[in-house]
Amino acid sequence: MSRPSGPPFKVSAVQEAMGLWALGFLGIIAAFLIAGGTSVPKLVATVGFLYLPLIPMRWRDEDYRDYGLTLRAWKEDVRLFLVMSAIVGPLFFAGFAGFVQVVPHLPPALAHHLTPIIGEGHFQPRLPPRFGEWVIDQLFVVALPEEFFYRGYLQARLRDAWPQGRVVLGARLGRAFWVTALLFALGHLAIFQTWRLAVFFPALLFGWMRERTGTIVGCSLFHAACNLYVRFLEVSFFGGP
């Protein structure tokens, strides 16, 4: 059996991680500029997040399990997902409801940088149309690929370079944790929507969950739930499709 050939040139863990992030980021920008308004940029992002890390992984004879895509801690992952959802859900609802009341009073130029929806909102619970499809899409097309790339691969490789950190509620958080959250937020600027920078804050929770359990299962579930919850609140406050 042939052994892995190794990389064609020597790179550090930081250079490898940042290089793949930049490659993925530029690929999404190109797809958006060429085919914005279609599903092509989303497809490019999904494929890139799942397959770009395979290049260096094959050099090192690694697989997805080495970067957190494993069910070895599924009970803890599910338990942590439920606890986080129970804590964050009500807090986010209160914050969202307050934000809805404030936005109409902001200067329009500022408001358009903070949210994609501006107007008077009143809460009336309702699910988005074709909600079942949204669940599948957010879990397997959005959350899982993003969590594998960012929390699974990127955070782990940066941690290889920067292993120091402080233990916070059972998870060691250091420079790799903060840089990964920042790159996750900056990556969302690939489609030129400044309000997407707000994902920096849930990224901190996703990264903490990754470090707490050692897998990306719990943070993937929570990531998908957050996206679905935001969509539910948008529809419930503002109606529409």
C-alpha atoms as a PDB file:
ATOM      1  CA  MET A   1       0.000   0.000   0.000  1.00  0.00           C
ATOM      2  CA  SER A   2       1.411   3.400  -0.943  1.00  0.00           C
ATOM      3  CA  ARG A   3       2.090   5.892   1.832  1.00  0.00           C
ATOM      4  CA  PRO A   4       0.883   9.501   1.746  1.00  0.00           C
ATOM      5  CA  SER A   5       3.288  11.504  -0.384  1.00  0.00           C
ATOM      6  CA  GLY A   6       3.234  14.562   1.872  1.00  0.00           C
ATOM      7  CA  PRO A   7       2.858  18.187   0.868  1.00  0.00           C
ATOM      8  CA  PRO A   8       4.789  19.441  -2.176  1.00  0.00           C
ATOM      9  CA  PHE A   9       6.271  22.198   0.009  1.00  0.00           C
ATOM     10  CA  LYS A  10       6.633  22.889   3.714  1.00  0.00           C
ATOM     11  CA  VAL A  11       3.957  25.064   5.315  1.00  0.00           C
ATOM     12  CA  SER A  12       3.111  25.791   8.919  1.00  0.00           C
ATOM     13  CA  ALA A  13      -0.265  24.982  10.462  1.00  0.00           C
ATOM     14  CA  VAL A  14      -1.220  28.672  10.378  1.00  0.00           C
ATOM     15  CA  GLN A  15      -0.161  29.080   6.737  1.00  0.00           C
ATOM     16  CA  GLU A  16      -2.094  25.964   5.762  1.00  0.00           C
ATOM     17  CA  ALA A  17      -5.268  27.017   7.580  1.00  0.00           C
ATOM     18  CA  MET A  18      -5.179  30.624   6.416  1.00  0.00           C
ATOM     19  CA  GLY A  19      -4.369  29.583   2.858  1.00  0.00           C
ATOM     20  CA  LEU A  20      -7.366  27.272   2.617  1.00  0.00           C
ATOM     21  CA  TRP A  21      -9.609  29.870   4.242  1.00  0.00           C
ATOM     22  CA  ALA A  22      -8.498  32.487   1.710  1.00  0.00           C
ATOM     23  CA  LEU A  23      -9.002  30.036  -1.162  1.00  0.00           C
ATOM     24  CA  GLY A  24     -12.531  29.255  -0.010  1.00  0.00           C
ATOM     25  CA  PHE A  25     -13.320  32.918   0.604  1.00  0.00           C
ATOM     26  CA  LEU A  26     -12.163  33.975  -2.860  1.00  0.00           C
ATOM     27  CA  GLY A  27     -14.050  31.086  -4.439  1.00  0.00           C
ATOM     28  CA  ILE A  28     -17.322  32.210  -2.850  1.00  0.00           C
ATOM     29  CA  ILE A  29     -16.708  35.823  -3.921  1.00  0.00           C
ATOM     30  CA  ALA A  30     -16.062  34.705  -7.506  1.00  0.00           C
ATOM     31  CA  ALA A  31     -19.190  32.551  -7.518  1.00  0.00           C
ATOM     32  CA  PHE A  32     -21.247  35.436  -6.134  1.00  0.00           C
ATOM     33  CA  LEU A  33     -19.924  37.895  -8.719  1.00  0.00           C
ATOM     34  CA  ILE A  34     -20.559  35.449 -11.553  1.00  0.00           C
ATOM     35  CA  ALA A  35     -23.821  33.863 -10.431  1.00  0.00           C
ATOM     36  CA  GLY A  36     -25.203  35.980  -7.607  1.00  0.00           C
ATOM     37  CA  GLY A  37     -28.908  35.480  -7.045  1.00  0.00           C
ATOM     38  CA  THR A  38     -28.662  31.758  -7.781  1.00  0.00           C
ATOM     39  CA  SER A  39     -27.760  28.763  -5.635  1.00  0.00           C
ATOM     40  CA  VAL A  40     -24.272  28.554  -7.160  1.00  0.00           C
ATOM     41  CA  PRO A  41     -22.417  30.530  -4.427  1.00  0.00           C
ATOM     42  CA  LYS A  42     -24.030  28.373  -1.755  1.00  0.00           C
ATOM     43  CA  LEU A  43     -23.034  25.213  -3.626  1.00  0.00           C
ATOM     44  CA  VAL A  44     -19.464  26.452  -4.009  1.00  0.00           C
ATOM     45  CA  ALA A  45     -19.313  27.193  -0.276  1.00  0.00           C
ATOM     46  CA  THR A  46     -20.706  23.795   0.727  1.00  0.00           C
ATOM     47  CA  VAL A  47     -18.364  21.834  -1.530  1.00  0.00           C
ATOM     48  CA  GLY A  48     -15.377  23.957  -0.564  1.00  0.00           C
ATOM     49  CA  PHE A  49     -15.978  23.621   3.171  1.00  0.00           C
ATOM     50  CA  LEU A  50     -16.272  19.842   2.917  1.00  0.00           C
ATOM     51  CA  TYR A  51     -13.454  19.133   0.474  1.00  0.00           C
ATOM     52  CA  LEU A  52     -10.747  21.803   0.799  1.00  0.00           C
ATOM     53  CA  PRO A  53      -9.472  20.335   4.085  1.00  0.00           C
ATOM     54  CA  LEU A  54      -9.121  16.951   2.367  1.00  0.00           C
ATOM     55  CA  ILE A  55      -6.017  18.185   0.541  1.00  0.00           C
ATOM     56  CA  PRO A  56      -3.779  18.505   3.616  1.00  0.00           C
ATOM     57  CA  MET A  57      -5.631  15.730   5.433  1.00  0.00           C
ATOM     58  CA  ARG A  58      -4.533  13.247   2.774  1.00  0.00           C
ATOM     59  CA  TRP A  59      -0.938  14.440   3.090  1.00  0.00           C
ATOM     60  CA  ARG A  60      -1.075  13.479   6.770  1.00  0.00           C
ATOM     61  CA  ASP A  61      -3.163  10.309   6.330  1.00  0.00           C
ATOM     62  CA  GLU A  62      -6.009  11.814   8.377  1.00  0.00           C
ATOM     63  CA  ASP A  63      -9.769  11.559   7.976  1.00  0.00           C
ATOM     64  CA  TYR A  64     -12.885  13.438   9.064  1.00  0.00           C
ATOM     65  CA  ARG A  65     -12.875  11.870  12.513  1.00  0.00           C
ATOM     66  CA  ASP A  66      -9.569  13.566  13.278  1.00  0.00           C
ATOM     67  CA  TYR A  67     -11.374  16.898  12.917  1.00  0.00           C
ATOM     68  CA  GLY A  68     -14.430  16.248  15.020  1.00  0.00           C
ATOM     69  CA  LEU A  69     -16.826  14.594  12.569  1.00  0.00           C
ATOM     70  CA  THR A  70     -17.576  11.628  14.801  1.00  0.00           C
ATOM     71  CA  LEU A  71     -20.384  10.322  17.003  1.00  0.00           C
ATOM     72  CA  ARG A  72     -18.056   9.223  19.798  1.00  0.00           C
ATOM     73  CA  ALA A  73     -19.511  11.823  22.182  1.00  0.00           C
ATOM     74  CA  TRP A  74     -23.017  12.032  20.745  1.00  0.00           C
ATOM     75  CA  LYS A  75     -24.795  11.878  24.102  1.00  0.00           C
ATOM     76  CA  GLU A  76     -22.804  14.809  25.461  1.00  0.00           C
ATOM     77  CA  ASP A  77     -23.239  16.647  22.142  1.00  0.00           C
ATOM     78  CA  VAL A  78     -27.025  16.275  22.230  1.00  0.00           C
ATOM     79  CA  ARG A  79     -27.229  17.185  25.911  1.00  0.00           C
ATOM     80  CA  LEU A  80     -25.111  20.302  25.378  1.00  0.00           C
ATOM     81  CA  PHE A  81     -27.158  21.266  22.325  1.00  0.00           C
ATOM     82  CA  LEU A  82     -30.392  21.062  24.348  1.00  0.00           C
ATOM     83  CA  VAL A  83     -28.946  23.050  27.248  1.00  0.00           C
ATOM     84  CA  MET A  84     -27.578  25.767  24.970  1.00  0.00           C
ATOM     85  CA  SER A  85     -30.864  25.999  23.087  1.00  0.00           C
ATOM     86  CA  ALA A  86     -32.830  26.346  26.327  1.00  0.00           C
ATOM     87  CA  ILE A  87     -30.541  29.122  27.570  1.00  0.00           C
ATOM     88  CA  VAL A  88     -29.932  31.075  24.359  1.00  0.00           C
ATOM     89  CA  GLY A  89     -33.414  30.762  22.838  1.00  0.00           C
ATOM     90  CA  PRO A  90     -35.311  32.999  25.305  1.00  0.00           C
ATOM     91  CA  LEU A  91     -32.433  35.486  25.533  1.00  0.00           C
ATOM     92  CA  PHE A  92     -32.208  35.829  21.777  1.00  0.00           C
ATOM     93  CA  PHE A  93     -35.982  36.227  21.476  1.00  0.00           C
ATOM     94  CA  ALA A  94     -35.872  39.149  23.910  1.00  0.00           C
ATOM     95  CA  GLY A  95     -32.967  40.724  22.064  1.00  0.00           C
ATOM     96  CA  PHE A  96     -34.598  40.227  18.661  1.00  0.00           C
ATOM     97  CA  ALA A  97     -37.901  41.714  19.840  1.00  0.00           C
ATOM     98  CA  GLY A  98     -36.105  44.751  21.233  1.00  0.00           C
ATOM     99  CA  PHE A  99     -34.051  45.173  18.069  1.00  0.00           C
ATOM    100  CA  VAL A 100     -37.217  45.101  15.954  1.00  0.00           C
ATOM    101  CA  GLN A 101     -38.538  48.055  17.925  1.00  0.00           C
ATOM    102  CA  VAL A 102     -35.306  50.046  17.664  1.00  0.00           C
ATOM    103  CA  VAL A 103     -34.414  49.574  13.978  1.00  0.00           C
ATOM    104  CA  PRO A 104     -37.229  51.724  12.481  1.00  0.00           C
ATOM    105  CA  HIS A 105     -35.909  54.693  14.473  1.00  0.00           C
ATOM    106  CA  LEU A 106     -32.331  54.393  13.206  1.00  0.00           C
ATOM    107  CA  PRO A 107     -30.968  56.341  10.209  1.00  0.00           C
ATOM    108  CA  PRO A 108     -31.810  54.273   7.095  1.00  0.00           C
ATOM    109  CA  ALA A 109     -28.181  54.062   5.980  1.00  0.00           C
ATOM    110  CA  LEU A 110     -27.187  52.564   9.331  1.00  0.00           C
ATOM    111  CA  ALA A 111     -30.206  50.260   9.537  1.00  0.00           C
ATOM    112  CA  HIS A 112     -29.419  48.696   6.152  1.00  0.00           C
ATOM    113  CA  HIS A 113     -25.978  47.725   7.444  1.00  0.00           C
ATOM    114  CA  LEU A 114     -27.448  46.081  10.544  1.00  0.00           C
ATOM    115  CA  THR A 115     -30.351  44.013   9.223  1.00  0.00           C
ATOM    116  CA  PRO A 116     -31.862  42.789   5.943  1.00  0.00           C
ATOM    117  CA  ILE A 117     -35.404  43.496   7.177  1.00  0.00           C
ATOM    118  CA  ILE A 118     -36.601  46.956   8.148  1.00  0.00           C
ATOM    119  CA  GLY A 119     -40.144  47.843   9.146  1.00  0.00           C
ATOM    120  CA  GLU A 120     -42.728  47.593  11.871  1.00  0.00           C
ATOM    121  CA  GLY A 121     -42.848  44.103  13.311  1.00  0.00           C
ATOM    122  CA  HIS A 122     -45.355  42.364  15.554  1.00  0.00           C
ATOM    123  CA  PHE A 123     -44.919  38.835  16.824  1.00  0.00           C
ATOM    124  CA  GLN A 124     -47.346  36.234  15.535  1.00  0.00           C
ATOM    125  CA  PRO A 125     -45.889  32.700  15.638  1.00  0.00           C
ATOM    126  CA  ARG A 126     -45.716  31.010  12.245  1.00  0.00           C
ATOM    127  CA  LEU A 127     -43.372  28.674  10.427  1.00  0.00           C
ATOM    128  CA  PRO A 128     -41.743  29.552   7.113  1.00  0.00           C
ATOM    129  CA  PRO A 129     -43.240  27.803   4.075  1.00  0.00           C
ATOM    130  CA  ARG A 130     -41.634  24.424   3.315  1.00  0.00           C
ATOM    131  CA  PHE A 131     -40.090  24.376   6.766  1.00  0.00           C
ATOM    132  CA  GLY A 132     -39.083  20.716   6.489  1.00  0.00           C
ATOM    133  CA  GLU A 133     -36.870  21.546   3.526  1.00  0.00           C
ATOM    134  CA  TRP A 134     -35.338  24.385   5.539  1.00  0.00           C
ATOM    135  CA  VAL A 135     -34.417  21.915   8.295  1.00  0.00           C
ATOM    136  CA  ILE A 136     -32.587  19.586   5.890  1.00  0.00           C
ATOM    137  CA  ASP A 137     -30.913  22.487   4.117  1.00  0.00           C
ATOM    138  CA  GLN A 138     -29.694  24.218   7.261  1.00  0.00           C
ATOM    139  CA  LEU A 139     -28.386  21.057   8.881  1.00  0.00           C
ATOM    140  CA  PHE A 140     -26.689  19.271   5.989  1.00  0.00           C
ATOM    141  CA  VAL A 141     -25.970  22.011   3.437  1.00  0.00           C
ATOM    142  CA  VAL A 142     -25.132  24.937   5.741  1.00  0.00           C
ATOM    143  CA  ALA A 143     -24.330  24.041   9.353  1.00  0.00           C
ATOM    144  CA  LEU A 144     -22.462  20.754   8.991  1.00  0.00           C
ATOM    145  CA  PRO A 145     -20.112  21.890   6.174  1.00  0.00           C
ATOM    146  CA  GLU A 146     -19.404  25.221   7.887  1.00  0.00           C
ATOM    147  CA  GLU A 147     -18.788  23.601  11.260  1.00  0.00           C
ATOM    148  CA  PHE A 148     -16.508  20.968   9.746  1.00  0.00           C
ATOM    149  CA  PHE A 149     -14.418  23.608   8.001  1.00  0.00           C
ATOM    150  CA  TYR A 150     -14.320  26.251  10.717  1.00  0.00           C
ATOM    151  CA  ARG A 151     -14.645  24.524  14.073  1.00  0.00           C
ATOM    152  CA  GLY A 152     -13.515  21.091  12.918  1.00  0.00           C
ATOM    153  CA  TYR A 153     -10.574  21.791  10.647  1.00  0.00           C
ATOM    154  CA  LEU A 154      -9.629  25.467  11.010  1.00  0.00           C
ATOM    155  CA  GLN A 155      -9.897  25.720  14.790  1.00  0.00           C
ATOM    156  CA  ALA A 156      -8.006  22.454  15.238  1.00  0.00           C
ATOM    157  CA  ARG A 157      -5.136  23.443  12.927  1.00  0.00           C
ATOM    158  CA  LEU A 158      -4.795  26.852  14.532  1.00  0.00           C
ATOM    159  CA  ARG A 159      -4.826  25.146  17.928  1.00  0.00           C
ATOM    160  CA  ASP A 160      -1.899  23.008  16.726  1.00  0.00           C
ATOM    161  CA  ALA A 161       0.037  26.255  16.265  1.00  0.00           C
ATOM    162  CA  TRP A 162      -1.348  28.034  19.335  1.00  0.00           C
ATOM    163  CA  PRO A 163      -2.117  25.376  21.971  1.00  0.00           C
ATOM    164  CA  GLN A 164      -2.164  27.803  24.894  1.00  0.00           C
ATOM    165  CA  GLY A 165      -5.479  28.869  26.332  1.00  0.00           C
ATOM    166  CA  ARG A 166      -7.583  29.353  29.428  1.00  0.00           C
ATOM    167  CA  VAL A 167     -10.196  26.828  30.548  1.00  0.00           C
ATOM    168  CA  VAL A 168     -13.674  28.371  30.492  1.00  0.00           C
ATOM    169  CA  LEU A 169     -16.584  26.172  31.621  1.00  0.00           C
ATOM    170  CA  GLY A 170     -14.761  23.002  30.689  1.00  0.00           C
ATOM    171  CA  ALA A 171     -13.303  24.144  27.364  1.00  0.00           C
ATOM    172  CA  ARG A 172      -9.784  25.450  26.699  1.00  0.00           C
ATOM    173  CA  LEU A 173     -10.067  28.702  24.771  1.00  0.00           C
ATOM    174  CA  GLY A 174      -7.062  30.466  23.315  1.00  0.00           C
ATOM    175  CA  ARG A 175      -5.944  32.394  20.267  1.00  0.00           C
ATOM    176  CA  ALA A 176      -7.187  29.686  17.893  1.00  0.00           C
ATOM    177  CA  PHE A 177     -10.705  30.029  19.292  1.00  0.00           C
ATOM    178  CA  TRP A 178     -10.821  33.811  18.780  1.00  0.00           C
ATOM    179  CA  VAL A 179      -9.183  33.819  15.359  1.00  0.00           C
ATOM    180  CA  THR A 180     -11.541  31.115  14.093  1.00  0.00           C
ATOM    181  CA  ALA A 181     -14.584  33.129  15.206  1.00  0.00           C
ATOM    182  CA  LEU A 182     -13.170  36.222  13.486  1.00  0.00           C
ATOM    183  CA  LEU A 183     -12.479  34.354  10.246  1.00  0.00           C
ATOM    184  CA  PHE A 184     -15.978  32.875  10.360  1.00  0.00           C
ATOM    185  CA  ALA A 185     -17.458  36.376  10.571  1.00  0.00           C
ATOM    186  CA  LEU A 186     -15.190  37.784   7.852  1.00  0.00           C
ATOM    187  CA  GLY A 187     -16.020  34.825   5.636  1.00  0.00           C
ATOM    188  CA  HIS A 188     -19.654  35.888   5.652  1.00  0.00           C
ATOM    189  CA  LEU A 189     -18.663  39.134   3.920  1.00  0.00           C
ATOM    190  CA  ALA A 190     -18.031  37.134   0.749  1.00  0.00           C
ATOM    191  CA  ILE A 191     -21.532  38.057  -0.440  1.00  0.00           C
ATOM    192  CA  PHE A 192     -21.139  41.714   0.585  1.00  0.00           C
ATOM    193  CA  GLN A 193     -23.737  41.919   3.371  1.00  0.00           C
ATOM    194  CA  THR A 194     -22.277  43.752   6.353  1.00  0.00           C
ATOM    195  CA  TRP A 195     -24.966  42.639   8.808  1.00  0.00           C
ATOM    196  CA  ARG A 196     -23.616  39.108   8.499  1.00  0.00           C
ATOM    197  CA  LEU A 197     -20.637  40.118  10.641  1.00  0.00           C
ATOM    198  CA  ALA A 198     -22.953  39.530  13.607  1.00  0.00           C
ATOM    199  CA  VAL A 199     -22.281  35.795  13.226  1.00  0.00           C
ATOM    200  CA  PHE A 200     -19.091  36.443  15.205  1.00  0.00           C
ATOM    201  CA  PHE A 201     -21.112  36.157  18.415  1.00  0.00           C
ATOM    202  CA  PRO A 202     -22.774  32.766  17.840  1.00  0.00           C
ATOM    203  CA  ALA A 203     -19.419  31.590  16.476  1.00  0.00           C
ATOM    204  CA  LEU A 204     -18.045  31.990  19.999  1.00  0.00           C
ATOM    205  CA  LEU A 205     -20.681  29.559  21.267  1.00  0.00           C
ATOM    206  CA  PHE A 206     -20.034  27.114  18.413  1.00  0.00           C
ATOM    207  CA  GLY A 207     -16.295  27.211  19.104  1.00  0.00           C
ATOM    208  CA  TRP A 208     -16.779  26.688  22.821  1.00  0.00           C
ATOM    209  CA  MET A 209     -19.023  23.676  22.177  1.00  0.00           C
ATOM    210  CA  ARG A 210     -16.381  22.207  19.846  1.00  0.00           C
ATOM    211  CA  GLU A 211     -13.713  22.503  22.518  1.00  0.00           C
ATOM    212  CA  ARG A 212     -16.020  21.192  25.244  1.00  0.00           C
ATOM    213  CA  THR A 213     -16.986  17.920  23.519  1.00  0.00           C
ATOM    214  CA  GLY A 214     -14.136  17.453  21.040  1.00  0.00           C
ATOM    215  CA  THR A 215     -16.568  16.950  18.147  1.00  0.00           C
ATOM    216  CA  ILE A 216     -18.590  19.129  15.766  1.00  0.00           C
ATOM    217  CA  VAL A 217     -21.889  17.278  16.203  1.00  0.00           C
ATOM    218  CA  GLY A 218     -23.305  19.458  18.979  1.00  0.00           C
ATOM    219  CA  CYS A 219     -22.211  22.749  17.445  1.00  0.00           C
ATOM    220  CA  SER A 220     -23.588  21.672  14.057  1.00  0.00           C
ATOM    221  CA  LEU A 221     -26.986  20.951  15.595  1.00  0.00           C
ATOM    222  CA  PHE A 222     -26.917  24.256  17.467  1.00  0.00           C
ATOM    223  CA  HIS A 223     -25.754  26.167  14.376  1.00  0.00           C
ATOM    224  CA  ALA A 224     -28.641  24.787  12.315  1.00  0.00           C
ATOM    225  CA  ALA A 225     -31.099  25.475  15.139  1.00  0.00           C
ATOM    226  CA  CYS A 226     -29.908  29.085  15.401  1.00  0.00           C
ATOM    227  CA  ASN A 227     -30.384  29.667  11.676  1.00  0.00           C
ATOM    228  CA  LEU A 228     -33.833  28.109  11.747  1.00  0.00           C
ATOM    229  CA  TYR A 229     -34.778  30.101  14.838  1.00  0.00           C
ATOM    230  CA  VAL A 230     -33.770  33.378  13.197  1.00  0.00           C
ATOM    231  CA  ARG A 231     -35.849  32.507  10.140  1.00  0.00           C
ATOM    232  CA  PHE A 232     -38.804  31.601  12.361  1.00  0.00           C
ATOM    233  CA  LEU A 233     -38.546  34.951  14.148  1.00  0.00           C
ATOM    234  CA  GLU A 234     -38.275  36.883  10.882  1.00  0.00           C
ATOM    235  CA  VAL A 235     -41.418  35.270   9.534  1.00  0.00           C
ATOM    236  CA  SER A 236     -43.241  35.554  12.860  1.00  0.00           C
ATOM    237  CA  PHE A 237     -42.470  39.261  13.241  1.00  0.00           C
ATOM    238  CA  PHE A 238     -42.643  40.389   9.618  1.00  0.00           C
ATOM    239  CA  GLY A 239     -44.597  37.696   7.728  1.00  0.00           C
ATOM    240  CA  GLY A 240     -43.770  37.032   4.104  1.00  0.00           C
ATOM    241  CA  PRO A 241     -42.294  33.948   2.470  1.00  0.00           C
END
